[in-house]
Structure formats: C-alpha cells, structure tokens
Amino acid sequence: MSTDCGCPACNPVNQRNFEYIAPRKLTLKERIHKQRIENLAASDRAFEYVKANEARYAEHRASILSEKKMAKTGLLDSINDIASDVVDNVIGAVKQLGNDFISSQQAMLAEHLANKGVIQITDTATGKKLLSEEVAERYNDTKTFEILNSEKDGANAIKLMPAYGPLLLAAETIGTKGKNVVKDPESFVSDVVDFIAKPKIAFSKTHTPNIAENIENALKNGAPKTLNRVTNKSEIRKNRRKALRGMKAPDKGLSLDEYPFASSKQGGEGAFVKPVPVTEQNIQGGMLSSFYKKHKLNDGDNFDVEVVD
C-alpha cells in the first residue's frame, strides 16, 4: 500500500503548499559554452544538408554558369564556337546570316506592298496572280550570297544554333554598324567576318587601371588600335629602347609602360609612355604572351587593342 509523501501528486490538498524551485541561472561562461555547442550543432546540420544536396547544387551551378556565359558572350563567342577558328566556316556562317536576313526583309516588304496593292506579281508558269503570302514565300527562297562547298559546314552549323532568329538582328547591328544590309550586302559579310575573325585583346580599367589609362590616352591622340605583331626579340628590344629614350627612371615599385607595344611593328619611337605599378606591368605581359599563343599570331599578323570597363 502506497504512502502519502505529502507532495502535490500524492495529495492534491497540499498543492498550495508546494514550493516551486526555479532552475539555477547559468553563469556567463556557461552561457557562452552553451551557445557554442548550439552553433556547432547548427553548423553540423547545415553541413549535412549541403552534403546531401551536393549533386543538385553542382547541377544548378553548372546550369547558371552556362546561361551567364551565353548571355555574356552572345553572337561573337557563339559563332567562334562553331567556326573552330576556320575562316571558311566563319564566312559560311556569316553568308548564311546574310542570306536569311536579306530574304526575310525582302519578303516582308514584298508582302506588304502586295497586300496594299502597290505591286502585283504573277506566276510566269501558270499566269496566276500571287497572293501577298505567296509573294512573301517566293522571296524567302532568294539567296544573295553563294555559299561555297568549303563554307557549308559553318552555314549549316549556325542554323542549328539556339535563338538563331535574334542572331540575325545582332549580326546586322554588329557587322554593318547601322548600314542597310539589304542595300549593301557585300559590306555585311566583310564587316562581320572582320569583326569575328580578327583577334582582339582588351585591357580593363578595373584590373589594370593605369595600363588602360595609357592605352586610352594613346588611342585618343592618334595611336592605332590595330597593331602588327613582332616576334624578333632583337627588334622588340630596339623598339623598347626607342620608346623609352630620354625618359626618367621610374620610382620604386613602378615600371614604364609604352603603347603601341614594343612587341608590335607600330611600337618604338613616338610611343605613349606612362609609369605604372610593376604588378600591372606583369599582368599586361602575361596577357599579351597568352594572347599571342592562343591566337597563334606570327610575325606581321594583325590584332586589335581596346579598353573596357
């Protein structure tokens, strides 16, 4: 038989006399230790979650990077990818762009004029008057540029690219600089091919501000943006001596930068010279070396230089 110990559970009558003892307050040291334990536990839970979803994160990250690359590189890198540095493929791709753009423009104009009754077109074989939609369809088949056999790979590849439609407008804007491609088709091909095929090196105002400033000042004052590479080391040293002749030695940590580069035929006497940090000079040297190697530029080959933000 159980005995009454007098606690509230055994004897409800004694509930009023029950004394509640509050838990002891933690000291500052104990609170800090407790917080650390809780933080470590939260960190462990976060790590386990990330680990469990690592594959999904990797797939998502690859997708985002791919989208960013497409948005950033646009027409230039897309055509370069299919061209594989083969000029015939570039020309074929651009000719296909030109053919499709010009025929679509002509078709839209012809359809509009036929629909308004300004023109009437008859099929010579049947003598039947063509409807405006039929007129547009006939113009869609016109070809301005003949695509050679050596150019067909590039022409076929570009038609398979995603978002090919917007590329037509982008190519016209980039390649013809606002000129009317329908009225001046030959310049469309030459300008776009030149834009795509010519190697270009860009110096950033963010990463190499002093180098960029010197180049930008030189370009504004008549220095050429298109240079021709020099591979002969003796000629490069000669150009550098001519460019720096009479210049005061720079302060510690600085180096004299010249544009046009000593490694170009335009370098040498008359180059624009500016003291720049040695770190920037080293970055520029590495960029030029990698650029020459990547594009396989030989002695006399031309390339463009530009300054970007």
C-alpha atoms as a PDB file:
ATOM      1  CA  MET A   1       0.000   0.000   0.000  1.00  0.00           C
ATOM      2  CA  SER A   2       1.426   3.336  -1.053  1.00  0.00           C
ATOM      3  CA  THR A   3       2.074   6.013   1.487  1.00  0.00           C
ATOM      4  CA  ASP A   4       1.259   9.663   1.223  1.00  0.00           C
ATOM      5  CA  CYS A   5       4.561  11.537   0.970  1.00  0.00           C
ATOM      6  CA  GLY A   6       2.814  14.917   1.060  1.00  0.00           C
ATOM      7  CA  CYS A   7       3.787  16.000  -2.443  1.00  0.00           C
ATOM      8  CA  PRO A   8       1.169  17.615  -4.769  1.00  0.00           C
ATOM      9  CA  ALA A   9       0.998  14.427  -6.852  1.00  0.00           C
ATOM     10  CA  CYS A  10       0.092  12.254  -3.828  1.00  0.00           C
ATOM     11  CA  ASN A  11      -2.064  14.736  -2.003  1.00  0.00           C
ATOM     12  CA  PRO A  12      -3.773  17.445  -4.122  1.00  0.00           C
ATOM     13  CA  VAL A  13      -4.796  19.159  -0.923  1.00  0.00           C
ATOM     14  CA  ASN A  14      -1.147  20.073  -0.359  1.00  0.00           C
ATOM     15  CA  GLN A  15      -0.752  21.689  -3.817  1.00  0.00           C
ATOM     16  CA  ARG A  16      -0.997  25.179  -2.375  1.00  0.00           C
ATOM     17  CA  ASN A  17       1.896  24.405  -0.079  1.00  0.00           C
ATOM     18  CA  PHE A  18       4.055  23.089  -2.942  1.00  0.00           C
ATOM     19  CA  GLU A  19       7.171  25.232  -3.386  1.00  0.00           C
ATOM     20  CA  TYR A  20       8.460  25.753  -6.949  1.00  0.00           C
ATOM     21  CA  ILE A  21      12.215  25.877  -7.196  1.00  0.00           C
ATOM     22  CA  ALA A  22      13.405  27.796 -10.297  1.00  0.00           C
ATOM     23  CA  PRO A  23      16.376  26.381 -12.226  1.00  0.00           C
ATOM     24  CA  ARG A  24      19.708  27.930 -11.435  1.00  0.00           C
ATOM     25  CA  LYS A  25      20.763  30.732 -13.793  1.00  0.00           C
ATOM     26  CA  LEU A  26      23.729  29.921 -15.980  1.00  0.00           C
ATOM     27  CA  THR A  27      26.898  31.838 -15.489  1.00  0.00           C
ATOM     28  CA  LEU A  28      28.333  33.881 -18.373  1.00  0.00           C
ATOM     29  CA  LYS A  29      30.911  31.192 -19.045  1.00  0.00           C
ATOM     30  CA  GLU A  30      28.200  28.521 -19.121  1.00  0.00           C
ATOM     31  CA  ARG A  31      26.015  30.590 -21.467  1.00  0.00           C
ATOM     32  CA  ILE A  32      28.913  31.102 -23.870  1.00  0.00           C
ATOM     33  CA  HIS A  33      29.702  27.392 -23.805  1.00  0.00           C
ATOM     34  CA  LYS A  34      26.043  26.512 -24.405  1.00  0.00           C
ATOM     35  CA  GLN A  35      25.860  28.936 -27.350  1.00  0.00           C
ATOM     36  CA  ARG A  36      28.977  27.402 -28.850  1.00  0.00           C
ATOM     37  CA  ILE A  37      27.506  23.917 -28.581  1.00  0.00           C
ATOM     38  CA  GLU A  38      24.277  25.093 -30.249  1.00  0.00           C
ATOM     39  CA  ASN A  39      26.233  26.854 -33.022  1.00  0.00           C
ATOM     40  CA  LEU A  40      28.305  23.744 -33.668  1.00  0.00           C
ATOM     41  CA  ALA A  41      25.160  21.633 -33.839  1.00  0.00           C
ATOM     42  CA  ALA A  42      23.572  24.091 -36.310  1.00  0.00           C
ATOM     43  CA  SER A  43      26.762  24.081 -38.374  1.00  0.00           C
ATOM     44  CA  ASP A  44      26.776  20.280 -38.445  1.00  0.00           C
ATOM     45  CA  ARG A  45      23.149  20.221 -39.577  1.00  0.00           C
ATOM     46  CA  ALA A  46      23.890  22.769 -42.346  1.00  0.00           C
ATOM     47  CA  PHE A  47      26.940  20.773 -43.478  1.00  0.00           C
ATOM     48  CA  GLU A  48      24.954  17.535 -43.628  1.00  0.00           C
ATOM     49  CA  TYR A  49      22.235  19.271 -45.653  1.00  0.00           C
ATOM     50  CA  VAL A  50      24.736  20.708 -48.139  1.00  0.00           C
ATOM     51  CA  LYS A  51      26.486  17.350 -48.422  1.00  0.00           C
ATOM     52  CA  ALA A  52      23.202  15.577 -49.065  1.00  0.00           C
ATOM     53  CA  ASN A  53      22.299  18.080 -51.811  1.00  0.00           C
ATOM     54  CA  GLU A  54      25.788  18.484 -53.307  1.00  0.00           C
ATOM     55  CA  ALA A  55      24.918  16.865 -56.629  1.00  0.00           C
ATOM     56  CA  ARG A  56      21.826  19.030 -57.048  1.00  0.00           C
ATOM     57  CA  TYR A  57      23.818  22.187 -56.232  1.00  0.00           C
ATOM     58  CA  ALA A  58      26.545  21.257 -58.737  1.00  0.00           C
ATOM     59  CA  GLU A  59      23.990  20.698 -61.490  1.00  0.00           C
ATOM     60  CA  HIS A  60      22.260  24.000 -60.714  1.00  0.00           C
ATOM     61  CA  ARG A  61      25.548  25.893 -60.617  1.00  0.00           C
ATOM     62  CA  ALA A  62      26.625  24.456 -63.994  1.00  0.00           C
ATOM     63  CA  SER A  63      23.282  25.484 -65.480  1.00  0.00           C
ATOM     64  CA  ILE A  64      23.572  29.057 -64.146  1.00  0.00           C
ATOM     65  CA  LEU A  65      27.173  29.413 -65.362  1.00  0.00           C
ATOM     66  CA  SER A  66      26.174  28.153 -68.793  1.00  0.00           C
ATOM     67  CA  GLU A  67      23.338  30.678 -69.018  1.00  0.00           C
ATOM     68  CA  LYS A  68      25.609  33.517 -67.869  1.00  0.00           C
ATOM     69  CA  LYS A  69      28.219  32.579 -70.451  1.00  0.00           C
ATOM     70  CA  MET A  70      25.673  32.553 -73.269  1.00  0.00           C
ATOM     71  CA  ALA A  71      24.275  35.917 -72.179  1.00  0.00           C
ATOM     72  CA  LYS A  72      27.720  37.467 -71.854  1.00  0.00           C
ATOM     73  CA  THR A  73      29.454  36.125 -74.927  1.00  0.00           C
ATOM     74  CA  GLY A  74      26.479  36.413 -77.278  1.00  0.00           C
ATOM     75  CA  LEU A  75      26.993  36.362 -81.009  1.00  0.00           C
ATOM     76  CA  LEU A  76      30.790  36.566 -81.067  1.00  0.00           C
ATOM     77  CA  ASP A  77      31.570  33.509 -78.926  1.00  0.00           C
ATOM     78  CA  SER A  78      28.691  31.522 -80.400  1.00  0.00           C
ATOM     79  CA  ILE A  79      29.982  31.917 -83.944  1.00  0.00           C
ATOM     80  CA  ASN A  80      33.562  31.364 -82.778  1.00  0.00           C
ATOM     81  CA  ASP A  81      32.474  28.054 -81.220  1.00  0.00           C
ATOM     82  CA  ILE A  82      31.005  26.725 -84.456  1.00  0.00           C
ATOM     83  CA  ALA A  83      33.778  28.203 -86.578  1.00  0.00           C
ATOM     84  CA  SER A  84      36.588  26.430 -84.705  1.00  0.00           C
ATOM     85  CA  ASP A  85      38.957  29.157 -85.897  1.00  0.00           C
ATOM     86  CA  VAL A  86      38.467  28.159 -89.544  1.00  0.00           C
ATOM     87  CA  VAL A  87      37.918  31.282 -91.649  1.00  0.00           C
ATOM     88  CA  ASP A  88      35.896  29.440 -94.299  1.00  0.00           C
ATOM     89  CA  ASN A  89      33.422  28.343 -91.634  1.00  0.00           C
ATOM     90  CA  VAL A  90      33.142  31.898 -90.333  1.00  0.00           C
ATOM     91  CA  ILE A  91      32.471  33.213 -93.832  1.00  0.00           C
ATOM     92  CA  GLY A  92      29.905  30.469 -94.457  1.00  0.00           C
ATOM     93  CA  ALA A  93      28.121  31.252 -91.195  1.00  0.00           C
ATOM     94  CA  VAL A  94      28.025  34.971 -91.965  1.00  0.00           C
ATOM     95  CA  LYS A  95      26.822  34.385 -95.533  1.00  0.00           C
ATOM     96  CA  GLN A  96      24.008  32.236 -94.166  1.00  0.00           C
ATOM     97  CA  LEU A  97      23.106  35.026 -91.750  1.00  0.00           C
ATOM     98  CA  GLY A  98      23.131  37.479 -94.642  1.00  0.00           C
ATOM     99  CA  ASN A  99      21.011  35.296 -96.898  1.00  0.00           C
ATOM    100  CA  ASP A 100      18.393  34.643 -94.248  1.00  0.00           C
ATOM    101  CA  PHE A 101      18.229  38.236 -93.055  1.00  0.00           C
ATOM    102  CA  ILE A 102      18.052  39.789 -96.520  1.00  0.00           C
ATOM    103  CA  SER A 103      15.454  37.309 -97.793  1.00  0.00           C
ATOM    104  CA  SER A 104      13.264  37.858 -94.722  1.00  0.00           C
ATOM    105  CA  GLN A 105      13.460  41.628 -95.127  1.00  0.00           C
ATOM    106  CA  GLN A 106      12.655  41.435 -98.831  1.00  0.00           C
ATOM    107  CA  ALA A 107       9.805  39.004 -98.167  1.00  0.00           C
ATOM    108  CA  MET A 108       8.210  41.271 -95.552  1.00  0.00           C
ATOM    109  CA  LEU A 109       8.489  44.314 -97.824  1.00  0.00           C
ATOM    110  CA  ALA A 110       7.099  42.467-100.868  1.00  0.00           C
ATOM    111  CA  GLU A 111       4.213  41.031 -98.838  1.00  0.00           C
ATOM    112  CA  HIS A 112       3.352  44.483 -97.507  1.00  0.00           C
ATOM    113  CA  LEU A 113       3.395  46.096-100.962  1.00  0.00           C
ATOM    114  CA  ALA A 114       1.356  43.259-102.494  1.00  0.00           C
ATOM    115  CA  ASN A 115      -1.165  43.425 -99.677  1.00  0.00           C
ATOM    116  CA  LYS A 116      -1.585  47.184-100.226  1.00  0.00           C
ATOM    117  CA  GLY A 117      -1.954  46.699-103.972  1.00  0.00           C
ATOM    118  CA  VAL A 118       1.182  48.671-104.789  1.00  0.00           C
ATOM    119  CA  ILE A 119       2.630  45.730-106.721  1.00  0.00           C
ATOM    120  CA  GLN A 120       1.100  42.733-108.475  1.00  0.00           C
ATOM    121  CA  ILE A 121       3.173  39.616-109.128  1.00  0.00           C
ATOM    122  CA  THR A 122       2.136  36.838-111.493  1.00  0.00           C
ATOM    123  CA  ASP A 123       3.463  33.304-111.699  1.00  0.00           C
ATOM    124  CA  THR A 124       5.006  33.111-115.178  1.00  0.00           C
ATOM    125  CA  ALA A 125       4.347  29.356-115.404  1.00  0.00           C
ATOM    126  CA  THR A 126       0.626  29.455-114.597  1.00  0.00           C
ATOM    127  CA  GLY A 127      -0.270  33.089-115.266  1.00  0.00           C
ATOM    128  CA  LYS A 128      -1.921  33.177-111.832  1.00  0.00           C
ATOM    129  CA  LYS A 129      -1.760  36.329-109.748  1.00  0.00           C
ATOM    130  CA  LEU A 130       0.023  35.575-106.496  1.00  0.00           C
ATOM    131  CA  LEU A 131      -1.468  36.413-103.122  1.00  0.00           C
ATOM    132  CA  SER A 132       0.586  38.535-100.732  1.00  0.00           C
ATOM    133  CA  GLU A 133       1.501  35.452 -98.639  1.00  0.00           C
ATOM    134  CA  GLU A 134       2.648  33.630-101.789  1.00  0.00           C
ATOM    135  CA  VAL A 135       4.774  36.616-102.773  1.00  0.00           C
ATOM    136  CA  ALA A 136       6.478  36.525 -99.373  1.00  0.00           C
ATOM    137  CA  GLU A 137       7.088  32.791 -99.722  1.00  0.00           C
ATOM    138  CA  ARG A 138       8.797  33.258-103.109  1.00  0.00           C
ATOM    139  CA  TYR A 139      11.113  35.953-101.695  1.00  0.00           C
ATOM    140  CA  ASN A 140      12.014  33.746 -98.743  1.00  0.00           C
ATOM    141  CA  ASP A 141      13.799  31.437-101.167  1.00  0.00           C
ATOM    142  CA  THR A 142      16.126  34.109-102.607  1.00  0.00           C
ATOM    143  CA  LYS A 143      19.866  33.791-101.975  1.00  0.00           C
ATOM    144  CA  THR A 144      22.132  36.852-102.151  1.00  0.00           C
ATOM    145  CA  PHE A 145      25.413  35.074-101.407  1.00  0.00           C
ATOM    146  CA  GLU A 146      26.646  31.860-102.940  1.00  0.00           C
ATOM    147  CA  ILE A 147      27.911  29.515-100.220  1.00  0.00           C
ATOM    148  CA  LEU A 148      30.914  27.520-101.418  1.00  0.00           C
ATOM    149  CA  ASN A 149      31.450  23.872-100.509  1.00  0.00           C
ATOM    150  CA  SER A 150      34.244  24.821 -98.101  1.00  0.00           C
ATOM    151  CA  GLU A 151      31.839  27.197 -96.333  1.00  0.00           C
ATOM    152  CA  LYS A 152      28.850  24.862 -95.959  1.00  0.00           C
ATOM    153  CA  ASP A 153      29.856  23.442 -92.560  1.00  0.00           C
ATOM    154  CA  GLY A 154      29.695  26.887 -90.990  1.00  0.00           C
ATOM    155  CA  ALA A 155      26.454  27.739 -92.793  1.00  0.00           C
ATOM    156  CA  ASN A 156      24.748  24.529 -91.662  1.00  0.00           C
ATOM    157  CA  ALA A 157      26.042  24.761 -88.088  1.00  0.00           C
ATOM    158  CA  ILE A 158      24.797  28.281 -87.430  1.00  0.00           C
ATOM    159  CA  LYS A 159      21.236  27.370 -88.482  1.00  0.00           C
ATOM    160  CA  LEU A 160      21.167  24.729 -85.743  1.00  0.00           C
ATOM    161  CA  MET A 161      22.101  27.176 -83.002  1.00  0.00           C
ATOM    162  CA  PRO A 162      19.509  28.096 -80.337  1.00  0.00           C
ATOM    163  CA  ALA A 163      17.930  31.539 -80.689  1.00  0.00           C
ATOM    164  CA  TYR A 164      19.084  31.797 -84.312  1.00  0.00           C
ATOM    165  CA  GLY A 165      16.401  34.421 -85.042  1.00  0.00           C
ATOM    166  CA  PRO A 166      17.781  37.091 -82.672  1.00  0.00           C
ATOM    167  CA  LEU A 167      21.270  36.465 -84.065  1.00  0.00           C
ATOM    168  CA  LEU A 168      20.141  37.836 -87.425  1.00  0.00           C
ATOM    169  CA  LEU A 169      19.407  41.229 -85.894  1.00  0.00           C
ATOM    170  CA  ALA A 170      22.510  41.136 -83.711  1.00  0.00           C
ATOM    171  CA  ALA A 171      24.718  40.375 -86.717  1.00  0.00           C
ATOM    172  CA  GLU A 172      23.298  43.297 -88.670  1.00  0.00           C
ATOM    173  CA  THR A 173      23.881  45.711 -85.801  1.00  0.00           C
ATOM    174  CA  ILE A 174      27.396  44.498 -85.020  1.00  0.00           C
ATOM    175  CA  GLY A 175      28.669  43.882 -88.501  1.00  0.00           C
ATOM    176  CA  THR A 176      27.234  46.717 -90.542  1.00  0.00           C
ATOM    177  CA  LYS A 177      27.390  49.464 -87.907  1.00  0.00           C
ATOM    178  CA  GLY A 178      23.890  50.614 -88.797  1.00  0.00           C
ATOM    179  CA  LYS A 179      24.235  50.415 -92.591  1.00  0.00           C
ATOM    180  CA  ASN A 180      21.330  48.961 -94.554  1.00  0.00           C
ATOM    181  CA  VAL A 181      22.256  45.319 -95.109  1.00  0.00           C
ATOM    182  CA  VAL A 182      19.713  44.880 -97.918  1.00  0.00           C
ATOM    183  CA  LYS A 183      21.172  47.755 -99.939  1.00  0.00           C
ATOM    184  CA  ASP A 184      24.787  46.995 -99.064  1.00  0.00           C
ATOM    185  CA  PRO A 185      25.095  43.200 -98.691  1.00  0.00           C
ATOM    186  CA  GLU A 186      28.776  42.906 -99.573  1.00  0.00           C
ATOM    187  CA  SER A 187      29.845  45.105 -96.658  1.00  0.00           C
ATOM    188  CA  PHE A 188      27.712  42.937 -94.368  1.00  0.00           C
ATOM    189  CA  VAL A 189      29.893  39.884 -94.990  1.00  0.00           C
ATOM    190  CA  SER A 190      33.225  41.710 -94.959  1.00  0.00           C
ATOM    191  CA  ASP A 191      32.450  43.723 -91.819  1.00  0.00           C
ATOM    192  CA  VAL A 192      31.060  40.803 -89.810  1.00  0.00           C
ATOM    193  CA  VAL A 193      33.891  38.450 -90.846  1.00  0.00           C
ATOM    194  CA  ASP A 194      36.423  41.134 -89.942  1.00  0.00           C
ATOM    195  CA  PHE A 195      34.709  41.681 -86.592  1.00  0.00           C
ATOM    196  CA  ILE A 196      34.708  37.972 -85.766  1.00  0.00           C
ATOM    197  CA  ALA A 197      37.956  36.756 -87.272  1.00  0.00           C
ATOM    198  CA  LYS A 198      40.367  39.494 -86.135  1.00  0.00           C
ATOM    199  CA  PRO A 199      41.878  38.699 -82.703  1.00  0.00           C
ATOM    200  CA  LYS A 200      41.212  41.352 -80.063  1.00  0.00           C
ATOM    201  CA  ILE A 201      42.823  41.959 -76.671  1.00  0.00           C
ATOM    202  CA  ALA A 202      41.081  44.108 -74.061  1.00  0.00           C
ATOM    203  CA  PHE A 203      42.569  45.829 -71.014  1.00  0.00           C
ATOM    204  CA  SER A 204      40.270  46.512 -68.091  1.00  0.00           C
ATOM    205  CA  LYS A 205      40.007  49.818 -66.258  1.00  0.00           C
ATOM    206  CA  THR A 206      39.161  47.761 -63.172  1.00  0.00           C
ATOM    207  CA  HIS A 207      42.052  45.289 -63.136  1.00  0.00           C
ATOM    208  CA  THR A 208      44.770  47.347 -64.862  1.00  0.00           C
ATOM    209  CA  PRO A 209      43.605  50.977 -64.482  1.00  0.00           C
ATOM    210  CA  ASN A 210      46.964  52.630 -65.213  1.00  0.00           C
ATOM    211  CA  ILE A 211      47.704  50.442 -68.246  1.00  0.00           C
ATOM    212  CA  ALA A 212      44.180  51.102 -69.531  1.00  0.00           C
ATOM    213  CA  GLU A 213      44.574  54.844 -68.996  1.00  0.00           C
ATOM    214  CA  ASN A 214      47.806  54.945 -71.008  1.00  0.00           C
ATOM    215  CA  ILE A 215      46.287  52.951 -73.887  1.00  0.00           C
ATOM    216  CA  GLU A 216      43.096  55.022 -73.876  1.00  0.00           C
ATOM    217  CA  ASN A 217      45.083  58.273 -73.927  1.00  0.00           C
ATOM    218  CA  ALA A 218      47.216  56.968 -76.796  1.00  0.00           C
ATOM    219  CA  LEU A 219      44.167  55.940 -78.848  1.00  0.00           C
ATOM    220  CA  LYS A 220      42.513  59.324 -78.286  1.00  0.00           C
ATOM    221  CA  ASN A 221      45.661  61.045 -79.537  1.00  0.00           C
ATOM    222  CA  GLY A 222      46.002  59.144 -82.787  1.00  0.00           C
ATOM    223  CA  ALA A 223      47.750  55.896 -81.890  1.00  0.00           C
ATOM    224  CA  PRO A 224      46.438  52.943 -83.944  1.00  0.00           C
ATOM    225  CA  LYS A 225      44.139  50.370 -82.354  1.00  0.00           C
ATOM    226  CA  THR A 226      45.188  47.735 -84.928  1.00  0.00           C
ATOM    227  CA  LEU A 227      48.751  46.517 -84.400  1.00  0.00           C
ATOM    228  CA  ASN A 228      51.021  44.011 -86.144  1.00  0.00           C
ATOM    229  CA  ARG A 229      52.964  41.574 -84.030  1.00  0.00           C
ATOM    230  CA  VAL A 230      56.767  41.486 -83.890  1.00  0.00           C
ATOM    231  CA  THR A 231      58.359  38.159 -82.931  1.00  0.00           C
ATOM    232  CA  ASN A 232      62.048  39.078 -83.322  1.00  0.00           C
ATOM    233  CA  LYS A 233      63.396  39.679 -79.792  1.00  0.00           C
ATOM    234  CA  SER A 234      66.136  41.990 -81.034  1.00  0.00           C
ATOM    235  CA  GLU A 235      63.558  44.191 -82.788  1.00  0.00           C
ATOM    236  CA  ILE A 236      61.387  44.208 -79.658  1.00  0.00           C
ATOM    237  CA  ARG A 237      64.327  45.412 -77.526  1.00  0.00           C
ATOM    238  CA  LYS A 238      65.120  48.026 -80.148  1.00  0.00           C
ATOM    239  CA  ASN A 239      61.532  49.291 -80.088  1.00  0.00           C
ATOM    240  CA  ARG A 240      61.588  49.490 -76.289  1.00  0.00           C
ATOM    241  CA  ARG A 241      64.858  51.478 -76.260  1.00  0.00           C
ATOM    242  CA  LYS A 242      63.451  53.948 -78.785  1.00  0.00           C
ATOM    243  CA  ALA A 243      60.199  54.364 -76.870  1.00  0.00           C
ATOM    244  CA  LEU A 244      61.928  54.957 -73.513  1.00  0.00           C
ATOM    245  CA  ARG A 245      64.809  57.104 -74.796  1.00  0.00           C
ATOM    246  CA  GLY A 246      65.149  60.219 -72.651  1.00  0.00           C
ATOM    247  CA  MET A 247      62.635  59.017 -70.064  1.00  0.00           C
ATOM    248  CA  LYS A 248      63.448  59.404 -66.359  1.00  0.00           C
ATOM    249  CA  ALA A 249      63.798  56.174 -64.405  1.00  0.00           C
ATOM    250  CA  PRO A 250      60.537  55.455 -62.545  1.00  0.00           C
ATOM    251  CA  ASP A 251      60.210  55.414 -58.761  1.00  0.00           C
ATOM    252  CA  LYS A 252      60.487  52.179 -56.812  1.00  0.00           C
ATOM    253  CA  GLY A 253      57.575  49.848 -57.482  1.00  0.00           C
ATOM    254  CA  LEU A 254      56.805  51.456 -60.843  1.00  0.00           C
ATOM    255  CA  SER A 255      57.648  50.480 -64.424  1.00  0.00           C
ATOM    256  CA  LEU A 256      57.430  52.386 -67.705  1.00  0.00           C
ATOM    257  CA  ASP A 257      54.588  51.189 -69.913  1.00  0.00           C
ATOM    258  CA  GLU A 258      54.502  52.056 -73.600  1.00  0.00           C
ATOM    259  CA  TYR A 259      51.775  51.958 -76.238  1.00  0.00           C
ATOM    260  CA  PRO A 260      51.910  50.856 -79.025  1.00  0.00           C
ATOM    261  CA  PHE A 261      53.603  47.803 -77.525  1.00  0.00           C
ATOM    262  CA  ALA A 262      57.285  47.146 -78.154  1.00  0.00           C
ATOM    263  CA  SER A 263      56.171  43.727 -79.460  1.00  0.00           C
ATOM    264  CA  SER A 264      54.337  45.414 -82.352  1.00  0.00           C
ATOM    265  CA  LYS A 265      55.631  46.972 -85.563  1.00  0.00           C
ATOM    266  CA  GLN A 266      53.946  50.233 -84.541  1.00  0.00           C
ATOM    267  CA  GLY A 267      55.982  50.350 -81.305  1.00  0.00           C
ATOM    268  CA  GLY A 268      59.177  52.284 -80.748  1.00  0.00           C
ATOM    269  CA  GLU A 269      59.783  56.000 -81.255  1.00  0.00           C
ATOM    270  CA  GLY A 270      56.730  58.137 -80.560  1.00  0.00           C
ATOM    271  CA  ALA A 271      55.056  55.602 -78.269  1.00  0.00           C
ATOM    272  CA  PHE A 272      52.991  56.932 -75.361  1.00  0.00           C
ATOM    273  CA  VAL A 273      54.843  56.186 -72.115  1.00  0.00           C
ATOM    274  CA  LYS A 274      53.490  56.231 -68.562  1.00  0.00           C
ATOM    275  CA  PRO A 275      54.826  54.988 -65.186  1.00  0.00           C
ATOM    276  CA  VAL A 276      52.575  52.180 -63.924  1.00  0.00           C
ATOM    277  CA  PRO A 277      52.762  49.752 -60.984  1.00  0.00           C
ATOM    278  CA  VAL A 278      55.023  46.772 -61.632  1.00  0.00           C
ATOM    279  CA  THR A 279      52.117  44.446 -60.768  1.00  0.00           C
ATOM    280  CA  GLU A 280      50.052  45.876 -63.642  1.00  0.00           C
ATOM    281  CA  GLN A 281      53.035  45.639 -65.992  1.00  0.00           C
ATOM    282  CA  ASN A 282      53.408  41.956 -65.112  1.00  0.00           C
ATOM    283  CA  ILE A 283      49.690  41.358 -65.725  1.00  0.00           C
ATOM    284  CA  GLN A 284      49.934  43.038 -69.124  1.00  0.00           C
ATOM    285  CA  GLY A 285      52.973  40.966 -70.082  1.00  0.00           C
ATOM    286  CA  GLY A 286      51.198  37.749 -69.146  1.00  0.00           C
ATOM    287  CA  MET A 287      48.063  38.758 -71.044  1.00  0.00           C
ATOM    288  CA  LEU A 288      49.988  39.564 -74.224  1.00  0.00           C
ATOM    289  CA  SER A 289      52.008  36.344 -74.066  1.00  0.00           C
ATOM    290  CA  SER A 290      48.866  34.220 -73.603  1.00  0.00           C
ATOM    291  CA  PHE A 291      47.015  36.203 -76.291  1.00  0.00           C
ATOM    292  CA  TYR A 292      49.759  35.694 -78.893  1.00  0.00           C
ATOM    293  CA  LYS A 293      49.925  31.985 -78.111  1.00  0.00           C
ATOM    294  CA  LYS A 294      46.145  31.425 -78.062  1.00  0.00           C
ATOM    295  CA  HIS A 295      45.571  33.077 -81.459  1.00  0.00           C
ATOM    296  CA  LYS A 296      48.809  31.724 -82.978  1.00  0.00           C
ATOM    297  CA  LEU A 297      49.882  35.189 -84.094  1.00  0.00           C
ATOM    298  CA  ASN A 298      53.024  35.131 -86.224  1.00  0.00           C
ATOM    299  CA  ASP A 299      55.281  37.998 -87.219  1.00  0.00           C
ATOM    300  CA  GLY A 300      53.241  40.662 -89.025  1.00  0.00           C
ATOM    301  CA  ASP A 301      49.820  39.259 -88.044  1.00  0.00           C
ATOM    302  CA  ASN A 302      47.391  41.993 -87.015  1.00  0.00           C
ATOM    303  CA  PHE A 303      45.198  42.296 -83.947  1.00  0.00           C
ATOM    304  CA  ASP A 304      43.062  44.927 -82.240  1.00  0.00           C
ATOM    305  CA  VAL A 305      43.536  46.549 -78.840  1.00  0.00           C
ATOM    306  CA  GLU A 306      40.705  48.027 -76.799  1.00  0.00           C
ATOM    307  CA  VAL A 307      39.967  49.365 -73.314  1.00  0.00           C
ATOM    308  CA  VAL A 308      36.939  48.090 -71.398  1.00  0.00           C
ATOM    309  CA  ASP A 309      35.398  48.875 -68.022  1.00  0.00           C
END
